[in-house]
Amino acid sequence: MVKMDVKKSTKKDKKLMAIFTDDKGKVIKTTHFGSVRNGVPMDDYTLTGDKEARKRYRDRHAKDLQTKDPKRAGFLSYYILWGDTTSREDNIKAYKKRFKFD
């Protein structure tokens, strides 16, 4: 089973990174996501709680889900930063459950 950990990004222009590993601990993929501009994180639902902004973001980015690859930044942002709750922790748990990551 693939394991997923989410940590603060090591890239200065990204908020978070998801590290996907196999059952032996070998890194399969690392995906950085969530924009930071001029050192300031851009708004997202977990920061603002703005439901209307969340709806607009999800409408605009629904096309990102067409790849059907939950390891891509579009998926991660859509479900974690702009997820169902304002809690990143809860959204990460829901993401792991939805896409069957450990």
C-alpha atoms as a PDB file:
ATOM      1  CA  MET A   1       0.000   0.000   0.000  1.00  0.00           C
ATOM      2  CA  VAL A   2       1.234   3.481  -0.814  1.00  0.00           C
ATOM      3  CA  LYS A   3       1.857   5.757   2.164  1.00  0.00           C
ATOM      4  CA  MET A   4       1.389   9.530   1.998  1.00  0.00           C
ATOM      5  CA  ASP A   5       2.885  12.115   4.353  1.00  0.00           C
ATOM      6  CA  VAL A   6       2.210  15.850   4.083  1.00  0.00           C
ATOM      7  CA  LYS A   7       4.822  18.306   5.335  1.00  0.00           C
ATOM      8  CA  LYS A   8       5.826  21.935   4.912  1.00  0.00           C
ATOM      9  CA  SER A   9       7.304  22.347   1.456  1.00  0.00           C
ATOM     10  CA  THR A  10      11.037  22.725   0.962  1.00  0.00           C
ATOM     11  CA  LYS A  11      10.310  25.023  -1.994  1.00  0.00           C
ATOM     12  CA  LYS A  12       9.938  28.687  -1.085  1.00  0.00           C
ATOM     13  CA  ASP A  13       7.057  29.217  -3.531  1.00  0.00           C
ATOM     14  CA  LYS A  14       4.924  26.308  -2.237  1.00  0.00           C
ATOM     15  CA  LYS A  15       3.054  25.716   1.032  1.00  0.00           C
ATOM     16  CA  LEU A  16       3.111  21.947   1.384  1.00  0.00           C
ATOM     17  CA  MET A  17       4.527  18.799  -0.110  1.00  0.00           C
ATOM     18  CA  ALA A  18       3.097  15.298  -0.212  1.00  0.00           C
ATOM     19  CA  ILE A  19       5.603  12.469  -0.099  1.00  0.00           C
ATOM     20  CA  PHE A  20       4.368   9.156  -1.465  1.00  0.00           C
ATOM     21  CA  THR A  21       6.290   6.028  -0.458  1.00  0.00           C
ATOM     22  CA  ASP A  22       5.901   2.321  -1.146  1.00  0.00           C
ATOM     23  CA  ASP A  23       5.588  -0.308   1.576  1.00  0.00           C
ATOM     24  CA  LYS A  24       9.389  -0.536   1.789  1.00  0.00           C
ATOM     25  CA  GLY A  25       9.722   3.201   2.448  1.00  0.00           C
ATOM     26  CA  LYS A  26      11.073   4.061  -1.013  1.00  0.00           C
ATOM     27  CA  VAL A  27       9.886   7.448  -2.257  1.00  0.00           C
ATOM     28  CA  ILE A  28       7.658   7.047  -5.308  1.00  0.00           C
ATOM     29  CA  LYS A  29       6.880  10.720  -5.823  1.00  0.00           C
ATOM     30  CA  THR A  30       7.095  14.067  -4.044  1.00  0.00           C
ATOM     31  CA  THR A  31       4.539  16.690  -5.033  1.00  0.00           C
ATOM     32  CA  HIS A  32       4.729  20.310  -3.898  1.00  0.00           C
ATOM     33  CA  PHE A  33       1.455  22.236  -3.852  1.00  0.00           C
ATOM     34  CA  GLY A  34      -0.192  25.430  -2.645  1.00  0.00           C
ATOM     35  CA  SER A  35       1.130  28.758  -3.871  1.00  0.00           C
ATOM     36  CA  VAL A  36       3.250  31.237  -1.960  1.00  0.00           C
ATOM     37  CA  ARG A  37       3.903  34.625  -3.549  1.00  0.00           C
ATOM     38  CA  ASN A  38       6.550  37.008  -2.273  1.00  0.00           C
ATOM     39  CA  GLY A  39       6.865  34.900   0.871  1.00  0.00           C
ATOM     40  CA  VAL A  40       3.135  35.149   1.668  1.00  0.00           C
ATOM     41  CA  PRO A  41       0.896  32.066   1.381  1.00  0.00           C
ATOM     42  CA  MET A  42      -1.996  32.657  -0.983  1.00  0.00           C
ATOM     43  CA  ASP A  43      -5.457  32.296   0.501  1.00  0.00           C
ATOM     44  CA  ASP A  44      -7.106  28.900   0.653  1.00  0.00           C
ATOM     45  CA  TYR A  45     -10.184  27.557   2.424  1.00  0.00           C
ATOM     46  CA  THR A  46      -8.176  26.317   5.421  1.00  0.00           C
ATOM     47  CA  LEU A  47      -6.899  29.866   5.990  1.00  0.00           C
ATOM     48  CA  THR A  48      -9.991  31.944   5.241  1.00  0.00           C
ATOM     49  CA  GLY A  49     -13.031  29.701   5.686  1.00  0.00           C
ATOM     50  CA  ASP A  50     -14.601  31.610   2.776  1.00  0.00           C
ATOM     51  CA  LYS A  51     -17.181  29.209   1.327  1.00  0.00           C
ATOM     52  CA  GLU A  52     -17.863  31.356  -1.737  1.00  0.00           C
ATOM     53  CA  ALA A  53     -14.137  31.507  -2.600  1.00  0.00           C
ATOM     54  CA  ARG A  54     -14.002  27.740  -2.093  1.00  0.00           C
ATOM     55  CA  LYS A  55     -16.869  27.232  -4.530  1.00  0.00           C
ATOM     56  CA  ARG A  56     -15.213  29.486  -7.126  1.00  0.00           C
ATOM     57  CA  TYR A  57     -11.864  27.689  -6.726  1.00  0.00           C
ATOM     58  CA  ARG A  58     -13.460  24.250  -7.058  1.00  0.00           C
ATOM     59  CA  ASP A  59     -15.486  25.306 -10.102  1.00  0.00           C
ATOM     60  CA  ARG A  60     -12.364  26.719 -11.732  1.00  0.00           C
ATOM     61  CA  HIS A  61     -10.152  23.735 -10.901  1.00  0.00           C
ATOM     62  CA  ALA A  62     -12.528  20.786 -11.379  1.00  0.00           C
ATOM     63  CA  LYS A  63     -10.669  20.159 -14.654  1.00  0.00           C
ATOM     64  CA  ASP A  64      -7.544  19.284 -12.610  1.00  0.00           C
ATOM     65  CA  LEU A  65      -9.286  16.083 -11.525  1.00  0.00           C
ATOM     66  CA  GLN A  66      -9.529  14.802 -15.100  1.00  0.00           C
ATOM     67  CA  THR A  67      -6.011  13.367 -14.787  1.00  0.00           C
ATOM     68  CA  LYS A  68      -7.378  10.824 -12.298  1.00  0.00           C
ATOM     69  CA  ASP A  69      -3.979  10.936 -10.548  1.00  0.00           C
ATOM     70  CA  PRO A  70      -4.344  11.767  -6.841  1.00  0.00           C
ATOM     71  CA  LYS A  71      -0.567  12.276  -6.560  1.00  0.00           C
ATOM     72  CA  ARG A  72      -0.763  15.487  -8.645  1.00  0.00           C
ATOM     73  CA  ALA A  73      -0.776  18.991  -7.191  1.00  0.00           C
ATOM     74  CA  GLY A  74      -4.229  19.777  -8.584  1.00  0.00           C
ATOM     75  CA  PHE A  75      -5.793  16.928  -6.630  1.00  0.00           C
ATOM     76  CA  LEU A  76      -3.899  17.754  -3.453  1.00  0.00           C
ATOM     77  CA  SER A  77      -4.877  21.429  -3.512  1.00  0.00           C
ATOM     78  CA  TYR A  78      -8.479  20.681  -4.440  1.00  0.00           C
ATOM     79  CA  TYR A  79      -9.076  18.239  -1.580  1.00  0.00           C
ATOM     80  CA  ILE A  80      -6.639  19.422   1.120  1.00  0.00           C
ATOM     81  CA  LEU A  81      -6.360  23.205   0.841  1.00  0.00           C
ATOM     82  CA  TRP A  82      -9.862  23.661  -0.583  1.00  0.00           C
ATOM     83  CA  GLY A  83     -11.426  20.566   1.024  1.00  0.00           C
ATOM     84  CA  ASP A  84     -14.656  20.030   2.900  1.00  0.00           C
ATOM     85  CA  THR A  85     -13.395  21.509   6.182  1.00  0.00           C
ATOM     86  CA  THR A  86     -11.145  24.349   7.277  1.00  0.00           C
ATOM     87  CA  SER A  87      -8.918  21.805   9.051  1.00  0.00           C
ATOM     88  CA  ARG A  88      -5.950  20.711   6.966  1.00  0.00           C
ATOM     89  CA  GLU A  89      -5.480  17.739   9.282  1.00  0.00           C
ATOM     90  CA  ASP A  90      -9.062  16.556   8.740  1.00  0.00           C
ATOM     91  CA  ASN A  91      -8.786  17.129   4.979  1.00  0.00           C
ATOM     92  CA  ILE A  92      -5.555  15.093   4.854  1.00  0.00           C
ATOM     93  CA  LYS A  93      -7.236  12.215   6.732  1.00  0.00           C
ATOM     94  CA  ALA A  94     -10.209  12.336   4.346  1.00  0.00           C
ATOM     95  CA  TYR A  95      -7.836  12.436   1.343  1.00  0.00           C
ATOM     96  CA  LYS A  96      -5.963   9.343   2.518  1.00  0.00           C
ATOM     97  CA  LYS A  97      -9.236   7.512   3.063  1.00  0.00           C
ATOM     98  CA  ARG A  98     -10.743   8.604  -0.281  1.00  0.00           C
ATOM     99  CA  PHE A  99      -7.692   7.590  -2.326  1.00  0.00           C
ATOM    100  CA  LYS A 100      -6.630   4.650  -0.148  1.00  0.00           C
ATOM    101  CA  PHE A 101      -3.267   5.965   1.026  1.00  0.00           C
ATOM    102  CA  ASP A 102      -1.880   4.791   4.325  1.00  0.00           C
END
